[in-house]
Amino acid sequence: MQRSPHLQPASGYIIIPQAIRVSIAPTVGFLVQLVKKYVADITDRLRGAHPRQPDHHLRHLRAVAGLLTAAAIYFVICFSLSQLSQMLERRIHVSR
């Protein structure tokens, strides 16, 4: 029985690294979009969770605190993803 040339183990050493090189940037971009939508959903839910308070200053202060917290979470996650992406690209020698 003769093996097909398409099923040779050596082809995995050529195709898989090329596919990984090409897919790193779009995958990270997709993950950033997921994080952005998730954080936006959390902030929308936080805004609707508090009942109307008579003191407008306190309500605005809580809204600003919630938005700053969401922005910090978004920054930390996206920065970590971009650093991971750069490390992977350096490791597998992606040329731009």
Foldseek 3Di string as FASTA:
>chain_A
DDDDPVPDPVVCVPPVLVVCLVCLVVVLVVVLVVLVVVLVVVLVVVLVPDDDDPDPVVNVVVSVVSVVVSVVVSVVVSVVSVVVSVVVCVVSVRDD
